[in-house]
Amino acid sequence: MLDLNFVRDNLALVEEKLRQRGMNPAEVLKDFRTIDGERRQAITAAESLQARRNRASEEIAKLKKSGQDATAQIAETKELREQIAESEKKAAEQEARLREILTSIPNLPHDGVPIGKSEADNVEARRWGSPPQFDFKAKPHWELGEHLGILDLERAAKITGARFAVYWALGARLERALANFMLDLHTGEHGYTEVLPPYMVNSESMYGTGQLPKFEQELFKVPTDRWEEDSHHTPAVGELVQRKGINRVYEVVAIDFSAHTVDIR
């Protein structure tokens, strides 16, 4: 989720980046500027009223100490308390509306990303190797895996449902070997820090990494505000990074994590 201050200070940029993604800024941002202004006004009003109430409370203490009547001042503090509560309620309501807007804003494309409407507008950045050529019709990996006896999709469907597989023998070893190869490569040669995060994350982490509300219908949730993670970057970024206080948009910070997790979608 983009930082509120960043969106406020760079609203024109955000609008342009949304257009580049083929989105209508008015539909995404709605009344952002108005809501933000009303929220800030409500916060300022609450702070100003609280300052007045503090001064009135001090005056009440002085009057009581000198034996004078403080009825009027007490009535004023009661009225101010009600006004403060009303301003805080309005600020909270606008805060919720702002959060709803901010969570709907997608990641902004980098300046170097080509602008296009379809895959036909993609620009090839580089090429490594060349596609292999066969003198026979190549099988998709799921057919090849079943033929070799290392993938069992039918049994997985009976155990869990569609889109899962049981890995047998060399298939299971290959899966484990690939995970070890990936972790060893990134930690040993590229300076990554290996981390093993929890497989369940809370809603705050999912919102913080942009998984919610966009992918809510594609995720699995348990009743206690816990989501089965769909990518290891959700707990890594949502909690491990943000708790370090380095999730500021205006800072250029690179932290390299590497993890092997069960991503459930």
C-alpha atoms as a PDB file:
ATOM      1  CA  MET A   1       0.000   0.000   0.000  1.00  0.00           C
ATOM      2  CA  LEU A   2       1.388   3.393  -0.966  1.00  0.00           C
ATOM      3  CA  ASP A   3       2.199   5.848   1.772  1.00  0.00           C
ATOM      4  CA  LEU A   4      -0.482   8.493   2.361  1.00  0.00           C
ATOM      5  CA  ASN A   5       2.039  11.344   2.343  1.00  0.00           C
ATOM      6  CA  PHE A   6       3.504  10.134  -0.946  1.00  0.00           C
ATOM      7  CA  VAL A   7       0.094  10.058  -2.652  1.00  0.00           C
ATOM      8  CA  ARG A   8      -0.821  13.455  -1.228  1.00  0.00           C
ATOM      9  CA  ASP A   9       2.459  15.078  -2.313  1.00  0.00           C
ATOM     10  CA  ASN A  10       2.574  13.354  -5.711  1.00  0.00           C
ATOM     11  CA  LEU A  11      -1.081  13.147  -6.676  1.00  0.00           C
ATOM     12  CA  ALA A  12      -0.480  14.259 -10.279  1.00  0.00           C
ATOM     13  CA  LEU A  13       2.226  11.598 -10.678  1.00  0.00           C
ATOM     14  CA  VAL A  14      -0.034   8.903  -9.248  1.00  0.00           C
ATOM     15  CA  GLU A  15      -2.812   9.917 -11.650  1.00  0.00           C
ATOM     16  CA  GLU A  16      -0.439   9.740 -14.633  1.00  0.00           C
ATOM     17  CA  LYS A  17       0.913   6.337 -13.586  1.00  0.00           C
ATOM     18  CA  LEU A  18      -2.647   5.019 -13.279  1.00  0.00           C
ATOM     19  CA  ARG A  19      -3.366   6.198 -16.820  1.00  0.00           C
ATOM     20  CA  GLN A  20      -0.243   4.392 -17.994  1.00  0.00           C
ATOM     21  CA  ARG A  21      -1.699   1.217 -16.495  1.00  0.00           C
ATOM     22  CA  GLY A  22      -4.911   1.783 -18.437  1.00  0.00           C
ATOM     23  CA  MET A  23      -6.890   2.815 -15.370  1.00  0.00           C
ATOM     24  CA  ASN A  24      -9.149   5.795 -14.765  1.00  0.00           C
ATOM     25  CA  PRO A  25      -7.648   7.898 -11.931  1.00  0.00           C
ATOM     26  CA  ALA A  26     -11.076   9.291 -11.010  1.00  0.00           C
ATOM     27  CA  GLU A  27     -12.413   5.777 -10.403  1.00  0.00           C
ATOM     28  CA  VAL A  28      -9.409   4.694  -8.336  1.00  0.00           C
ATOM     29  CA  LEU A  29      -8.713   7.861  -6.339  1.00  0.00           C
ATOM     30  CA  LYS A  30     -12.338   8.959  -6.030  1.00  0.00           C
ATOM     31  CA  ASP A  31     -12.541  12.058  -3.761  1.00  0.00           C
ATOM     32  CA  PHE A  32      -9.070  11.525  -2.297  1.00  0.00           C
ATOM     33  CA  ARG A  33      -8.157  15.206  -2.031  1.00  0.00           C
ATOM     34  CA  THR A  34     -11.476  16.178  -0.431  1.00  0.00           C
ATOM     35  CA  ILE A  35     -11.486  13.276   2.022  1.00  0.00           C
ATOM     36  CA  ASP A  36      -7.859  13.897   2.951  1.00  0.00           C
ATOM     37  CA  GLY A  37      -8.599  17.579   3.545  1.00  0.00           C
ATOM     38  CA  GLU A  38     -11.629  16.831   5.716  1.00  0.00           C
ATOM     39  CA  ARG A  39      -9.625  14.307   7.746  1.00  0.00           C
ATOM     40  CA  ARG A  40      -6.839  16.793   8.379  1.00  0.00           C
ATOM     41  CA  GLN A  41      -9.364  19.494   9.325  1.00  0.00           C
ATOM     42  CA  ALA A  42     -11.035  17.127  11.800  1.00  0.00           C
ATOM     43  CA  ILE A  43      -7.676  16.228  13.360  1.00  0.00           C
ATOM     44  CA  THR A  44      -6.732  19.902  13.661  1.00  0.00           C
ATOM     45  CA  ALA A  45     -10.128  20.714  15.184  1.00  0.00           C
ATOM     46  CA  ALA A  46      -9.769  17.902  17.725  1.00  0.00           C
ATOM     47  CA  GLU A  47      -6.293  19.067  18.720  1.00  0.00           C
ATOM     48  CA  SER A  48      -7.425  22.678  19.029  1.00  0.00           C
ATOM     49  CA  LEU A  49     -10.428  21.699  21.147  1.00  0.00           C
ATOM     50  CA  GLN A  50      -8.226  19.513  23.330  1.00  0.00           C
ATOM     51  CA  ALA A  51      -5.888  22.457  23.927  1.00  0.00           C
ATOM     52  CA  ARG A  52      -8.861  24.591  24.981  1.00  0.00           C
ATOM     53  CA  ARG A  53     -10.078  21.834  27.301  1.00  0.00           C
ATOM     54  CA  ASN A  54      -6.645  21.547  28.876  1.00  0.00           C
ATOM     55  CA  ARG A  55      -6.589  25.287  29.567  1.00  0.00           C
ATOM     56  CA  ALA A  56     -10.100  25.126  31.001  1.00  0.00           C
ATOM     57  CA  SER A  57      -9.091  22.244  33.274  1.00  0.00           C
ATOM     58  CA  GLU A  58      -6.152  24.266  34.559  1.00  0.00           C
ATOM     59  CA  GLU A  59      -8.471  27.199  35.219  1.00  0.00           C
ATOM     60  CA  ILE A  60     -10.890  24.928  37.108  1.00  0.00           C
ATOM     61  CA  ALA A  61      -8.058  23.732  39.331  1.00  0.00           C
ATOM     62  CA  LYS A  62      -7.046  27.316  40.122  1.00  0.00           C
ATOM     63  CA  LEU A  63     -10.622  28.395  40.873  1.00  0.00           C
ATOM     64  CA  LYS A  64     -11.236  25.445  43.184  1.00  0.00           C
ATOM     65  CA  LYS A  65      -7.929  26.055  44.949  1.00  0.00           C
ATOM     66  CA  SER A  66      -8.954  29.667  45.645  1.00  0.00           C
ATOM     67  CA  GLY A  67     -12.442  28.616  46.739  1.00  0.00           C
ATOM     68  CA  GLN A  68     -14.229  30.168  43.744  1.00  0.00           C
ATOM     69  CA  ASP A  69     -17.127  28.781  41.723  1.00  0.00           C
ATOM     70  CA  ALA A  70     -16.011  26.745  38.653  1.00  0.00           C
ATOM     71  CA  THR A  71     -19.458  25.630  37.452  1.00  0.00           C
ATOM     72  CA  ALA A  72     -19.229  27.464  34.121  1.00  0.00           C
ATOM     73  CA  GLN A  73     -15.763  26.117  33.383  1.00  0.00           C
ATOM     74  CA  ILE A  74     -16.827  22.558  34.244  1.00  0.00           C
ATOM     75  CA  ALA A  75     -19.791  22.867  31.867  1.00  0.00           C
ATOM     76  CA  GLU A  76     -17.414  24.164  29.176  1.00  0.00           C
ATOM     77  CA  THR A  77     -15.040  21.196  29.550  1.00  0.00           C
ATOM     78  CA  LYS A  78     -17.976  18.801  29.237  1.00  0.00           C
ATOM     79  CA  GLU A  79     -19.103  20.496  26.037  1.00  0.00           C
ATOM     80  CA  LEU A  80     -15.551  20.520  24.696  1.00  0.00           C
ATOM     81  CA  ARG A  81     -15.201  16.797  25.447  1.00  0.00           C
ATOM     82  CA  GLU A  82     -18.278  16.090  23.328  1.00  0.00           C
ATOM     83  CA  GLN A  83     -16.956  18.264  20.499  1.00  0.00           C
ATOM     84  CA  ILE A  84     -13.581  16.502  20.654  1.00  0.00           C
ATOM     85  CA  ALA A  85     -15.272  13.097  20.443  1.00  0.00           C
ATOM     86  CA  GLU A  86     -17.260  14.253  17.413  1.00  0.00           C
ATOM     87  CA  SER A  87     -14.142  15.551  15.636  1.00  0.00           C
ATOM     88  CA  GLU A  88     -12.215  12.356  16.410  1.00  0.00           C
ATOM     89  CA  LYS A  89     -15.112  10.275  15.096  1.00  0.00           C
ATOM     90  CA  LYS A  90     -15.156  12.260  11.850  1.00  0.00           C
ATOM     91  CA  ALA A  91     -11.375  11.928  11.498  1.00  0.00           C
ATOM     92  CA  ALA A  92     -11.628   8.155  12.008  1.00  0.00           C
ATOM     93  CA  GLU A  93     -14.376   7.881   9.397  1.00  0.00           C
ATOM     94  CA  GLN A  94     -12.321   9.793   6.841  1.00  0.00           C
ATOM     95  CA  GLU A  95      -9.265   7.708   7.789  1.00  0.00           C
ATOM     96  CA  ALA A  96     -11.207   4.557   6.932  1.00  0.00           C
ATOM     97  CA  ARG A  97     -12.291   6.014   3.592  1.00  0.00           C
ATOM     98  CA  LEU A  98      -8.711   7.017   2.799  1.00  0.00           C
ATOM     99  CA  ARG A  99      -7.444   3.548   3.644  1.00  0.00           C
ATOM    100  CA  GLU A 100     -10.019   2.043   1.312  1.00  0.00           C
ATOM    101  CA  ILE A 101      -8.760   4.265  -1.508  1.00  0.00           C
ATOM    102  CA  LEU A 102      -5.074   3.622  -0.752  1.00  0.00           C
ATOM    103  CA  THR A 103      -5.553  -0.147  -0.736  1.00  0.00           C
ATOM    104  CA  SER A 104      -7.106   0.052  -4.206  1.00  0.00           C
ATOM    105  CA  ILE A 105      -4.092   1.839  -5.738  1.00  0.00           C
ATOM    106  CA  PRO A 106      -1.823  -0.675  -7.522  1.00  0.00           C
ATOM    107  CA  ASN A 107       1.946  -0.491  -7.687  1.00  0.00           C
ATOM    108  CA  LEU A 108       3.074   2.371  -9.880  1.00  0.00           C
ATOM    109  CA  PRO A 109       5.065   1.354 -12.978  1.00  0.00           C
ATOM    110  CA  HIS A 110       8.728   2.298 -13.176  1.00  0.00           C
ATOM    111  CA  ASP A 111       9.616   5.063 -15.607  1.00  0.00           C
ATOM    112  CA  GLY A 112      11.515   2.524 -17.692  1.00  0.00           C
ATOM    113  CA  VAL A 113       8.484   0.265 -18.201  1.00  0.00           C
ATOM    114  CA  PRO A 114       7.098   0.534 -21.776  1.00  0.00           C
ATOM    115  CA  ILE A 115       3.536   1.829 -21.954  1.00  0.00           C
ATOM    116  CA  GLY A 116       1.132  -0.482 -23.751  1.00  0.00           C
ATOM    117  CA  LYS A 117      -2.344  -1.962 -23.818  1.00  0.00           C
ATOM    118  CA  SER A 118      -1.526  -5.615 -24.510  1.00  0.00           C
ATOM    119  CA  GLU A 119       1.340  -8.097 -24.664  1.00  0.00           C
ATOM    120  CA  ALA A 120       1.902  -6.977 -28.255  1.00  0.00           C
ATOM    121  CA  ASP A 121       3.373  -3.758 -26.833  1.00  0.00           C
ATOM    122  CA  ASN A 122       5.979  -5.594 -24.751  1.00  0.00           C
ATOM    123  CA  VAL A 123       9.612  -4.789 -25.489  1.00  0.00           C
ATOM    124  CA  GLU A 124      12.198  -7.572 -25.345  1.00  0.00           C
ATOM    125  CA  ALA A 125      14.857  -6.458 -22.875  1.00  0.00           C
ATOM    126  CA  ARG A 126      17.285  -9.336 -23.331  1.00  0.00           C
ATOM    127  CA  ARG A 127      17.489 -12.962 -24.371  1.00  0.00           C
ATOM    128  CA  TRP A 128      19.434 -15.822 -22.837  1.00  0.00           C
ATOM    129  CA  GLY A 129      19.993 -18.950 -24.865  1.00  0.00           C
ATOM    130  CA  SER A 130      17.520 -20.124 -27.490  1.00  0.00           C
ATOM    131  CA  PRO A 131      14.373 -22.294 -27.340  1.00  0.00           C
ATOM    132  CA  PRO A 132      15.169 -25.976 -27.871  1.00  0.00           C
ATOM    133  CA  GLN A 133      14.032 -27.588 -31.094  1.00  0.00           C
ATOM    134  CA  PHE A 134      12.621 -31.118 -31.081  1.00  0.00           C
ATOM    135  CA  ASP A 135      11.930 -33.555 -33.909  1.00  0.00           C
ATOM    136  CA  PHE A 136       8.822 -34.713 -32.016  1.00  0.00           C
ATOM    137  CA  LYS A 137       5.832 -33.115 -30.321  1.00  0.00           C
ATOM    138  CA  ALA A 138       6.898 -32.078 -26.818  1.00  0.00           C
ATOM    139  CA  LYS A 139       4.634 -33.052 -23.928  1.00  0.00           C
ATOM    140  CA  PRO A 140       3.564 -30.566 -21.243  1.00  0.00           C
ATOM    141  CA  HIS A 141       5.261 -31.112 -17.906  1.00  0.00           C
ATOM    142  CA  TRP A 142       2.167 -32.547 -16.224  1.00  0.00           C
ATOM    143  CA  GLU A 143       1.838 -35.302 -18.828  1.00  0.00           C
ATOM    144  CA  LEU A 144       5.551 -36.027 -18.764  1.00  0.00           C
ATOM    145  CA  GLY A 145       5.538 -36.104 -14.965  1.00  0.00           C
ATOM    146  CA  GLU A 146       2.687 -38.594 -14.816  1.00  0.00           C
ATOM    147  CA  HIS A 147       4.313 -40.741 -17.498  1.00  0.00           C
ATOM    148  CA  LEU A 148       7.536 -40.848 -15.458  1.00  0.00           C
ATOM    149  CA  GLY A 149       5.632 -41.651 -12.281  1.00  0.00           C
ATOM    150  CA  ILE A 150       6.858 -38.577 -10.395  1.00  0.00           C
ATOM    151  CA  LEU A 151       3.609 -36.557 -10.510  1.00  0.00           C
ATOM    152  CA  ASP A 152       0.215 -37.886  -9.472  1.00  0.00           C
ATOM    153  CA  LEU A 153      -2.501 -35.352 -10.237  1.00  0.00           C
ATOM    154  CA  GLU A 154      -5.399 -37.796 -10.017  1.00  0.00           C
ATOM    155  CA  ARG A 155      -4.587 -38.865  -6.467  1.00  0.00           C
ATOM    156  CA  ALA A 156      -3.976 -35.267  -5.409  1.00  0.00           C
ATOM    157  CA  ALA A 157      -7.429 -34.339  -6.722  1.00  0.00           C
ATOM    158  CA  LYS A 158      -8.954 -37.024  -4.490  1.00  0.00           C
ATOM    159  CA  ILE A 159      -6.951 -35.848  -1.464  1.00  0.00           C
ATOM    160  CA  THR A 160      -7.400 -32.113  -1.869  1.00  0.00           C
ATOM    161  CA  GLY A 161      -8.989 -31.044  -5.141  1.00  0.00           C
ATOM    162  CA  ALA A 162      -7.927 -29.589  -8.446  1.00  0.00           C
ATOM    163  CA  ARG A 163      -4.647 -27.683  -8.973  1.00  0.00           C
ATOM    164  CA  PHE A 164      -2.580 -29.859  -6.627  1.00  0.00           C
ATOM    165  CA  ALA A 165      -0.115 -32.673  -7.188  1.00  0.00           C
ATOM    166  CA  VAL A 166       1.436 -35.543  -5.273  1.00  0.00           C
ATOM    167  CA  TYR A 167       5.185 -35.736  -5.940  1.00  0.00           C
ATOM    168  CA  TRP A 168       6.627 -39.257  -5.891  1.00  0.00           C
ATOM    169  CA  ALA A 169      10.209 -40.470  -5.512  1.00  0.00           C
ATOM    170  CA  LEU A 170      12.448 -38.481  -7.868  1.00  0.00           C
ATOM    171  CA  GLY A 171       9.704 -35.885  -8.233  1.00  0.00           C
ATOM    172  CA  ALA A 172       9.763 -35.173  -4.486  1.00  0.00           C
ATOM    173  CA  ARG A 173      13.570 -35.180  -4.491  1.00  0.00           C
ATOM    174  CA  LEU A 174      13.619 -32.790  -7.451  1.00  0.00           C
ATOM    175  CA  GLU A 175      11.288 -30.373  -5.641  1.00  0.00           C
ATOM    176  CA  ARG A 176      13.516 -30.456  -2.549  1.00  0.00           C
ATOM    177  CA  ALA A 177      16.681 -30.125  -4.629  1.00  0.00           C
ATOM    178  CA  LEU A 178      15.339 -27.090  -6.475  1.00  0.00           C
ATOM    179  CA  ALA A 179      14.489 -25.375  -3.174  1.00  0.00           C
ATOM    180  CA  ASN A 180      17.950 -26.100  -1.778  1.00  0.00           C
ATOM    181  CA  PHE A 181      19.613 -24.956  -4.995  1.00  0.00           C
ATOM    182  CA  MET A 182      17.692 -21.676  -4.952  1.00  0.00           C
ATOM    183  CA  LEU A 183      18.452 -20.969  -1.293  1.00  0.00           C
ATOM    184  CA  ASP A 184      22.130 -21.950  -1.570  1.00  0.00           C
ATOM    185  CA  LEU A 185      22.608 -19.828  -4.685  1.00  0.00           C
ATOM    186  CA  HIS A 186      21.034 -16.665  -3.280  1.00  0.00           C
ATOM    187  CA  THR A 187      22.532 -16.915   0.196  1.00  0.00           C
ATOM    188  CA  GLY A 188      25.937 -18.188  -0.877  1.00  0.00           C
ATOM    189  CA  GLU A 189      26.606 -16.145  -3.999  1.00  0.00           C
ATOM    190  CA  HIS A 190      24.290 -13.133  -3.911  1.00  0.00           C
ATOM    191  CA  GLY A 191      24.304 -12.098  -0.259  1.00  0.00           C
ATOM    192  CA  TYR A 192      20.666 -12.856   0.535  1.00  0.00           C
ATOM    193  CA  THR A 193      19.548 -13.580   4.095  1.00  0.00           C
ATOM    194  CA  GLU A 194      17.631 -16.824   4.413  1.00  0.00           C
ATOM    195  CA  VAL A 195      14.395 -16.572   6.377  1.00  0.00           C
ATOM    196  CA  LEU A 196      11.677 -19.068   7.224  1.00  0.00           C
ATOM    197  CA  PRO A 197       8.524 -17.000   7.889  1.00  0.00           C
ATOM    198  CA  PRO A 198       5.178 -18.319   9.197  1.00  0.00           C
ATOM    199  CA  TYR A 199       2.819 -19.909   6.706  1.00  0.00           C
ATOM    200  CA  MET A 200      -0.109 -17.890   8.089  1.00  0.00           C
ATOM    201  CA  VAL A 201      -0.341 -14.091   8.014  1.00  0.00           C
ATOM    202  CA  ASN A 202      -2.846 -11.566   9.373  1.00  0.00           C
ATOM    203  CA  SER A 203      -4.916  -9.076   7.420  1.00  0.00           C
ATOM    204  CA  GLU A 204      -2.615  -6.169   8.262  1.00  0.00           C
ATOM    205  CA  SER A 205       0.284  -7.887   6.518  1.00  0.00           C
ATOM    206  CA  MET A 206      -1.895  -8.766   3.533  1.00  0.00           C
ATOM    207  CA  TYR A 207      -3.053  -5.174   3.158  1.00  0.00           C
ATOM    208  CA  GLY A 208       0.478  -3.864   3.622  1.00  0.00           C
ATOM    209  CA  THR A 209       1.777  -5.896   0.694  1.00  0.00           C
ATOM    210  CA  GLY A 210      -1.168  -5.234  -1.597  1.00  0.00           C
ATOM    211  CA  GLN A 211      -2.654  -8.741  -1.504  1.00  0.00           C
ATOM    212  CA  LEU A 212      -5.855  -7.366   0.024  1.00  0.00           C
ATOM    213  CA  PRO A 213      -8.392  -6.361  -1.020  1.00  0.00           C
ATOM    214  CA  LYS A 214      -7.465  -7.135  -4.644  1.00  0.00           C
ATOM    215  CA  PHE A 215      -6.940 -10.896  -4.301  1.00  0.00           C
ATOM    216  CA  GLU A 216      -9.370 -11.615  -1.470  1.00  0.00           C
ATOM    217  CA  GLN A 217     -11.468 -14.007  -3.562  1.00  0.00           C
ATOM    218  CA  GLU A 218      -8.378 -15.994  -4.573  1.00  0.00           C
ATOM    219  CA  LEU A 219      -6.975 -16.499  -1.074  1.00  0.00           C
ATOM    220  CA  PHE A 220      -7.694 -19.006   1.665  1.00  0.00           C
ATOM    221  CA  LYS A 221      -8.709 -17.661   5.073  1.00  0.00           C
ATOM    222  CA  VAL A 222      -9.292 -19.231   8.487  1.00  0.00           C
ATOM    223  CA  PRO A 223     -11.825 -17.730  10.935  1.00  0.00           C
ATOM    224  CA  THR A 224      -9.261 -16.087  13.255  1.00  0.00           C
ATOM    225  CA  ASP A 225      -8.134 -13.303  10.878  1.00  0.00           C
ATOM    226  CA  ARG A 226      -5.376 -15.484   9.458  1.00  0.00           C
ATOM    227  CA  TRP A 227      -4.665 -15.988   5.773  1.00  0.00           C
ATOM    228  CA  GLU A 228      -2.680 -18.780   4.187  1.00  0.00           C
ATOM    229  CA  GLU A 229       0.157 -16.929   2.515  1.00  0.00           C
ATOM    230  CA  ASP A 230       0.250 -16.763  -1.270  1.00  0.00           C
ATOM    231  CA  SER A 231       3.894 -15.678  -1.461  1.00  0.00           C
ATOM    232  CA  HIS A 232       6.806 -15.515   0.985  1.00  0.00           C
ATOM    233  CA  HIS A 233       7.148 -11.783   0.351  1.00  0.00           C
ATOM    234  CA  THR A 234       3.896 -11.186   2.272  1.00  0.00           C
ATOM    235  CA  PRO A 235       5.261 -12.075   5.737  1.00  0.00           C
ATOM    236  CA  ALA A 236       8.769 -10.944   4.802  1.00  0.00           C
ATOM    237  CA  VAL A 237       7.729  -7.473   3.678  1.00  0.00           C
ATOM    238  CA  GLY A 238       4.525  -7.134   5.664  1.00  0.00           C
ATOM    239  CA  GLU A 239       6.099  -7.812   9.046  1.00  0.00           C
ATOM    240  CA  LEU A 240       9.849  -8.396   9.000  1.00  0.00           C
ATOM    241  CA  VAL A 241      10.559  -5.248   6.987  1.00  0.00           C
ATOM    242  CA  GLN A 242       7.832  -2.928   8.232  1.00  0.00           C
ATOM    243  CA  ARG A 243       8.635  -3.598  11.888  1.00  0.00           C
ATOM    244  CA  LYS A 244      12.141  -2.348  11.183  1.00  0.00           C
ATOM    245  CA  GLY A 245      10.582   0.981  10.206  1.00  0.00           C
ATOM    246  CA  ILE A 246      12.024   1.034   6.697  1.00  0.00           C
ATOM    247  CA  ASN A 247       8.844   0.926   4.647  1.00  0.00           C
ATOM    248  CA  ARG A 248       9.026   4.608   3.764  1.00  0.00           C
ATOM    249  CA  VAL A 249       8.350   5.373   0.117  1.00  0.00           C
ATOM    250  CA  TYR A 250      10.913   8.138  -0.015  1.00  0.00           C
ATOM    251  CA  GLU A 251      13.813   5.975   1.156  1.00  0.00           C
ATOM    252  CA  VAL A 252      15.806   3.842  -1.255  1.00  0.00           C
ATOM    253  CA  VAL A 253      16.418   0.691   0.737  1.00  0.00           C
ATOM    254  CA  ALA A 254      17.351  -2.754  -0.585  1.00  0.00           C
ATOM    255  CA  ILE A 255      16.930  -5.736   1.691  1.00  0.00           C
ATOM    256  CA  ASP A 256      17.473  -9.169   0.164  1.00  0.00           C
ATOM    257  CA  PHE A 257      15.495 -12.042   1.672  1.00  0.00           C
ATOM    258  CA  SER A 258      15.305 -15.571   0.336  1.00  0.00           C
ATOM    259  CA  ALA A 259      12.795 -18.153   1.538  1.00  0.00           C
ATOM    260  CA  HIS A 260      11.178 -21.413   0.578  1.00  0.00           C
ATOM    261  CA  THR A 261       7.526 -21.469   1.565  1.00  0.00           C
ATOM    262  CA  VAL A 262       4.276 -23.188   0.674  1.00  0.00           C
ATOM    263  CA  ASP A 263       2.370 -20.583  -1.354  1.00  0.00           C
ATOM    264  CA  ILE A 264      -1.335 -21.394  -1.348  1.00  0.00           C
ATOM    265  CA  ARG A 265      -3.672 -19.782  -3.868  1.00  0.00           C
END
